Amino acid sequence: MDSNTRERIQSLIQNNQIMVFMKGTKLMPQCGFSNNVVQILNSLGMSFETFDVLSDMEIRQGIKDYSNWPTIPQVYVKGEFLGGSDILIEMYNSGELREKLEIALAS
């Protein structure tokens, strides 16, 4: 990944408390996995930003390299990579996600 792409990704992650790299937008997800993440965050009443990786192929591949995670969506909370759809579903169902987000956003 080139340095410009890395800087763009870092800026998005650092400038947003909850950042989701996904296919589509939070108003119009373009895949079921991205929609799962949006629905989970909305149900928790969390404010979050999204980046549509379908609109930028450099970011689409770059975010996978940045996180060393092969799939999209990817969720970052206060700069920390949390995971993708399956991990968020698991954390949501156990109650861990709400707790983790509340603690992270309170600090």
N, C-alpha and C. Protein backbone atom coordinates (compact mmCIF):
# COMPACT_ATOMS: atom_id res chain seq x y z
N MET A 1 0.86 -1.18 0.00
CA MET A 1 0.00 0.00 0.00
C MET A 1 0.90 1.24 0.00
N ASP A 2 0.51 2.22 -0.79
CA ASP A 2 1.33 3.44 -0.84
C ASP A 2 1.06 4.32 0.39
N SER A 3 1.97 5.24 0.64
CA SER A 3 1.89 6.06 1.86
C SER A 3 0.64 6.95 1.87
N ASN A 4 0.20 7.42 0.71
CA ASN A 4 -1.00 8.25 0.64
C ASN A 4 -2.23 7.47 1.10
N THR A 5 -2.36 6.24 0.65
CA THR A 5 -3.50 5.41 1.06
C THR A 5 -3.44 5.14 2.55
N ARG A 6 -2.25 4.81 3.06
CA ARG A 6 -2.08 4.55 4.50
C ARG A 6 -2.47 5.79 5.31
N GLU A 7 -2.05 6.97 4.87
CA GLU A 7 -2.38 8.22 5.58
C GLU A 7 -3.88 8.48 5.55
N ARG A 8 -4.53 8.22 4.43
CA ARG A 8 -5.99 8.41 4.33
C ARG A 8 -6.72 7.49 5.30
N ILE A 9 -6.30 6.22 5.36
CA ILE A 9 -6.92 5.26 6.27
C ILE A 9 -6.69 5.69 7.72
N GLN A 10 -5.46 6.04 8.06
CA GLN A 10 -5.15 6.46 9.43
C GLN A 10 -5.96 7.69 9.83
N SER A 11 -6.12 8.63 8.91
CA SER A 11 -6.89 9.83 9.19
C SER A 11 -8.35 9.49 9.48
N LEU A 12 -8.94 8.63 8.69
CA LEU A 12 -10.34 8.23 8.91
C LEU A 12 -10.50 7.55 10.27
N ILE A 13 -9.57 6.68 10.61
CA ILE A 13 -9.65 5.95 11.87
C ILE A 13 -9.43 6.88 13.06
N GLN A 14 -8.47 7.78 12.95
CA GLN A 14 -8.14 8.67 14.07
C GLN A 14 -9.16 9.78 14.27
N ASN A 15 -9.83 10.20 13.20
CA ASN A 15 -10.75 11.34 13.29
C ASN A 15 -12.19 10.95 13.59
N ASN A 16 -12.46 9.66 13.77
CA ASN A 16 -13.82 9.20 14.05
C ASN A 16 -13.79 8.18 15.18
N GLN A 17 -14.60 8.42 16.21
CA GLN A 17 -14.59 7.51 17.37
C GLN A 17 -14.97 6.09 16.97
N ILE A 18 -15.99 5.95 16.13
CA ILE A 18 -16.35 4.64 15.58
C ILE A 18 -16.33 4.79 14.07
N MET A 19 -15.46 4.03 13.43
CA MET A 19 -15.29 4.09 11.97
C MET A 19 -15.53 2.70 11.39
N VAL A 20 -16.41 2.65 10.38
CA VAL A 20 -16.73 1.38 9.73
C VAL A 20 -16.36 1.47 8.25
N PHE A 21 -15.47 0.60 7.82
CA PHE A 21 -15.14 0.45 6.41
C PHE A 21 -16.06 -0.64 5.90
N MET A 22 -16.93 -0.29 4.95
CA MET A 22 -17.97 -1.23 4.54
C MET A 22 -18.30 -1.08 3.06
N LYS A 23 -19.10 -2.00 2.57
CA LYS A 23 -19.62 -1.91 1.20
C LYS A 23 -20.93 -1.15 1.28
N GLY A 24 -20.95 0.04 0.68
CA GLY A 24 -22.12 0.90 0.75
C GLY A 24 -21.96 1.93 1.87
N THR A 25 -23.09 2.49 2.26
CA THR A 25 -23.11 3.50 3.32
C THR A 25 -24.05 3.05 4.42
N LYS A 26 -24.03 3.78 5.54
CA LYS A 26 -24.92 3.38 6.63
C LYS A 26 -26.39 3.54 6.24
N LEU A 27 -26.67 4.42 5.29
CA LEU A 27 -28.05 4.58 4.83
C LEU A 27 -28.42 3.56 3.76
N MET A 28 -27.39 3.02 3.07
CA MET A 28 -27.66 2.05 2.03
C MET A 28 -26.52 1.02 1.94
N PRO A 29 -26.49 0.09 2.90
CA PRO A 29 -25.47 -0.96 2.84
C PRO A 29 -25.61 -1.79 1.56
N GLN A 30 -24.47 -2.22 1.02
CA GLN A 30 -24.49 -2.95 -0.24
C GLN A 30 -24.19 -4.43 -0.07
N CYS A 31 -24.10 -4.92 1.17
CA CYS A 31 -23.96 -6.36 1.39
C CYS A 31 -24.54 -6.69 2.76
N GLY A 32 -24.90 -7.93 2.94
CA GLY A 32 -25.52 -8.36 4.19
C GLY A 32 -24.64 -8.19 5.40
N PHE A 33 -23.34 -8.44 5.23
CA PHE A 33 -22.42 -8.32 6.36
C PHE A 33 -22.30 -6.87 6.81
N SER A 34 -22.21 -5.96 5.84
CA SER A 34 -22.16 -4.53 6.17
C SER A 34 -23.47 -4.11 6.84
N ASN A 35 -24.58 -4.60 6.33
CA ASN A 35 -25.88 -4.28 6.90
C ASN A 35 -25.96 -4.77 8.36
N ASN A 36 -25.42 -5.96 8.64
CA ASN A 36 -25.42 -6.47 10.02
C ASN A 36 -24.74 -5.49 10.97
N VAL A 37 -23.57 -4.99 10.56
CA VAL A 37 -22.81 -4.07 11.40
C VAL A 37 -23.61 -2.78 11.63
N VAL A 38 -24.18 -2.23 10.57
CA VAL A 38 -24.98 -1.01 10.68
C VAL A 38 -26.15 -1.22 11.63
N GLN A 39 -26.86 -2.33 11.49
CA GLN A 39 -28.02 -2.61 12.34
C GLN A 39 -27.62 -2.76 13.81
N ILE A 40 -26.50 -3.41 14.05
CA ILE A 40 -26.02 -3.59 15.43
C ILE A 40 -25.69 -2.24 16.05
N LEU A 41 -24.91 -1.43 15.35
CA LEU A 41 -24.52 -0.13 15.90
C LEU A 41 -25.73 0.78 16.08
N ASN A 42 -26.66 0.74 15.13
CA ASN A 42 -27.88 1.54 15.26
C ASN A 42 -28.71 1.08 16.46
N SER A 43 -28.81 -0.23 16.66
CA SER A 43 -29.62 -0.75 17.77
C SER A 43 -29.04 -0.35 19.13
N LEU A 44 -27.71 -0.13 19.16
CA LEU A 44 -27.06 0.31 20.40
C LEU A 44 -27.09 1.83 20.56
N GLY A 45 -27.63 2.51 19.55
CA GLY A 45 -27.72 3.97 19.60
C GLY A 45 -26.38 4.66 19.43
N MET A 46 -25.45 3.98 18.76
CA MET A 46 -24.11 4.53 18.59
C MET A 46 -24.02 5.42 17.36
N SER A 47 -23.33 6.53 17.50
CA SER A 47 -23.02 7.40 16.38
C SER A 47 -21.73 6.88 15.75
N PHE A 48 -21.75 6.73 14.42
CA PHE A 48 -20.57 6.19 13.75
C PHE A 48 -20.48 6.73 12.34
N GLU A 49 -19.28 6.67 11.79
CA GLU A 49 -19.04 7.09 10.41
C GLU A 49 -18.70 5.87 9.58
N THR A 50 -18.98 5.98 8.28
CA THR A 50 -18.67 4.88 7.38
C THR A 50 -17.86 5.37 6.19
N PHE A 51 -17.13 4.45 5.59
CA PHE A 51 -16.44 4.71 4.33
C PHE A 51 -16.83 3.59 3.39
N ASP A 52 -17.35 3.95 2.21
CA ASP A 52 -17.77 2.98 1.21
C ASP A 52 -16.56 2.52 0.41
N VAL A 53 -16.09 1.30 0.69
CA VAL A 53 -14.91 0.79 0.00
C VAL A 53 -15.17 0.52 -1.48
N LEU A 54 -16.44 0.44 -1.87
CA LEU A 54 -16.76 0.24 -3.29
C LEU A 54 -16.45 1.49 -4.11
N SER A 55 -16.32 2.61 -3.42
CA SER A 55 -16.05 3.89 -4.12
C SER A 55 -14.56 4.15 -4.31
N ASP A 56 -13.70 3.31 -3.72
CA ASP A 56 -12.27 3.56 -3.77
C ASP A 56 -11.50 2.25 -3.64
N MET A 57 -11.00 1.76 -4.75
CA MET A 57 -10.33 0.46 -4.77
C MET A 57 -9.02 0.45 -3.95
N GLU A 58 -8.34 1.60 -3.86
CA GLU A 58 -7.12 1.66 -3.06
C GLU A 58 -7.42 1.46 -1.58
N ILE A 59 -8.48 2.11 -1.10
CA ILE A 59 -8.89 1.94 0.29
C ILE A 59 -9.44 0.53 0.49
N ARG A 60 -10.17 0.02 -0.48
CA ARG A 60 -10.76 -1.32 -0.36
C ARG A 60 -9.68 -2.37 -0.10
N GLN A 61 -8.59 -2.33 -0.85
CA GLN A 61 -7.50 -3.27 -0.62
C GLN A 61 -6.62 -2.81 0.54
N GLY A 62 -6.42 -1.51 0.65
CA GLY A 62 -5.53 -0.96 1.67
C GLY A 62 -5.99 -1.26 3.08
N ILE A 63 -7.30 -1.23 3.33
CA ILE A 63 -7.79 -1.48 4.69
C ILE A 63 -7.53 -2.93 5.09
N LYS A 64 -7.57 -3.83 4.12
CA LYS A 64 -7.27 -5.25 4.41
C LYS A 64 -5.80 -5.40 4.79
N ASP A 65 -4.93 -4.69 4.09
CA ASP A 65 -3.51 -4.72 4.41
C ASP A 65 -3.22 -4.04 5.75
N TYR A 66 -3.89 -2.92 5.98
CA TYR A 66 -3.69 -2.12 7.19
C TYR A 66 -4.00 -2.94 8.45
N SER A 67 -5.10 -3.66 8.41
CA SER A 67 -5.55 -4.41 9.58
C SER A 67 -5.05 -5.85 9.58
N ASN A 68 -4.52 -6.28 8.45
CA ASN A 68 -4.15 -7.69 8.27
C ASN A 68 -5.37 -8.58 8.50
N TRP A 69 -6.52 -8.10 7.99
CA TRP A 69 -7.80 -8.80 8.12
C TRP A 69 -8.38 -8.89 6.71
N PRO A 70 -8.77 -10.09 6.24
CA PRO A 70 -9.09 -10.26 4.82
C PRO A 70 -10.48 -9.82 4.37
N THR A 71 -11.37 -9.51 5.32
CA THR A 71 -12.75 -9.24 4.90
C THR A 71 -13.22 -7.85 5.28
N ILE A 72 -14.31 -7.46 4.64
CA ILE A 72 -14.99 -6.19 4.90
C ILE A 72 -16.43 -6.56 5.22
N PRO A 73 -17.05 -5.94 6.21
CA PRO A 73 -16.70 -4.69 6.87
C PRO A 73 -15.63 -4.85 7.95
N GLN A 74 -15.05 -3.70 8.31
CA GLN A 74 -14.10 -3.62 9.40
C GLN A 74 -14.50 -2.45 10.30
N VAL A 75 -14.50 -2.70 11.60
CA VAL A 75 -14.94 -1.70 12.57
C VAL A 75 -13.77 -1.31 13.46
N TYR A 76 -13.57 0.00 13.59
CA TYR A 76 -12.54 0.56 14.47
C TYR A 76 -13.21 1.42 15.52
N VAL A 77 -12.77 1.27 16.77
CA VAL A 77 -13.30 2.07 17.87
C VAL A 77 -12.13 2.78 18.53
N LYS A 78 -12.17 4.10 18.48
CA LYS A 78 -11.09 4.94 19.03
C LYS A 78 -9.72 4.46 18.57
N GLY A 79 -9.61 4.16 17.29
CA GLY A 79 -8.34 3.78 16.69
C GLY A 79 -8.01 2.31 16.76
N GLU A 80 -8.78 1.53 17.51
CA GLU A 80 -8.50 0.10 17.69
C GLU A 80 -9.38 -0.73 16.77
N PHE A 81 -8.77 -1.68 16.06
CA PHE A 81 -9.53 -2.59 15.20
C PHE A 81 -10.32 -3.55 16.07
N LEU A 82 -11.64 -3.55 15.90
CA LEU A 82 -12.51 -4.41 16.70
C LEU A 82 -12.79 -5.72 15.98
N GLY A 83 -13.06 -5.66 14.68
CA GLY A 83 -13.35 -6.87 13.92
C GLY A 83 -14.34 -6.60 12.83
N GLY A 84 -14.90 -7.68 12.31
CA GLY A 84 -15.88 -7.60 11.23
C GLY A 84 -17.26 -8.02 11.71
N SER A 85 -18.10 -8.38 10.77
CA SER A 85 -19.49 -8.70 11.05
C SER A 85 -19.64 -9.84 12.06
N ASP A 86 -18.97 -10.96 11.85
CA ASP A 86 -19.13 -12.11 12.73
C ASP A 86 -18.71 -11.79 14.16
N ILE A 87 -17.61 -11.07 14.30
CA ILE A 87 -17.11 -10.73 15.64
C ILE A 87 -18.10 -9.77 16.33
N LEU A 88 -18.61 -8.78 15.58
CA LEU A 88 -19.57 -7.85 16.18
C LEU A 88 -20.85 -8.57 16.60
N ILE A 89 -21.32 -9.50 15.78
CA ILE A 89 -22.53 -10.26 16.13
C ILE A 89 -22.30 -11.03 17.43
N GLU A 90 -21.17 -11.70 17.51
CA GLU A 90 -20.82 -12.47 18.70
C GLU A 90 -20.75 -11.57 19.94
N MET A 91 -20.05 -10.44 19.80
CA MET A 91 -19.91 -9.51 20.92
C MET A 91 -21.26 -8.89 21.31
N TYR A 92 -22.09 -8.60 20.31
CA TYR A 92 -23.41 -8.03 20.56
C TYR A 92 -24.27 -9.02 21.34
N ASN A 93 -24.30 -10.26 20.88
CA ASN A 93 -25.13 -11.29 21.52
C ASN A 93 -24.71 -11.57 22.96
N SER A 94 -23.43 -11.44 23.26
CA SER A 94 -22.94 -11.70 24.62
C SER A 94 -23.06 -10.48 25.54
N GLY A 95 -23.36 -9.31 24.95
CA GLY A 95 -23.42 -8.08 25.73
C GLY A 95 -22.08 -7.38 25.84
N GLU A 96 -21.03 -8.02 25.36
CA GLU A 96 -19.68 -7.47 25.44
C GLU A 96 -19.53 -6.20 24.60
N LEU A 97 -20.21 -6.15 23.46
CA LEU A 97 -20.04 -5.01 22.56
C LEU A 97 -20.53 -3.72 23.21
N ARG A 98 -21.72 -3.72 23.77
CA ARG A 98 -22.25 -2.52 24.42
C ARG A 98 -21.29 -2.03 25.50
N GLU A 99 -20.83 -2.95 26.32
CA GLU A 99 -19.91 -2.61 27.41
C GLU A 99 -18.61 -2.01 26.87
N LYS A 100 -18.04 -2.66 25.87
CA LYS A 100 -16.77 -2.20 25.30
C LYS A 100 -16.93 -0.81 24.68
N LEU A 101 -18.01 -0.58 23.95
CA LEU A 101 -18.23 0.72 23.32
C LEU A 101 -18.47 1.80 24.37
N GLU A 102 -19.25 1.50 25.38
CA GLU A 102 -19.52 2.50 26.42
C GLU A 102 -18.25 2.90 27.15
N ILE A 103 -17.41 1.92 27.46
CA ILE A 103 -16.15 2.22 28.15
C ILE A 103 -15.22 3.02 27.24
N ALA A 104 -15.10 2.60 25.99
CA ALA A 104 -14.20 3.27 25.05
C ALA A 104 -14.63 4.71 24.81
N LEU A 105 -15.93 4.94 24.66
CA LEU A 105 -16.41 6.27 24.33
C LEU A 105 -16.48 7.18 25.54
N ALA A 106 -16.46 6.61 26.73
CA ALA A 106 -16.49 7.42 27.96
C ALA A 106 -15.11 7.97 28.28
N SER A 107 -14.06 7.32 27.79
CA SER A 107 -12.71 7.74 28.14
C SER A 107 -12.19 8.79 27.20
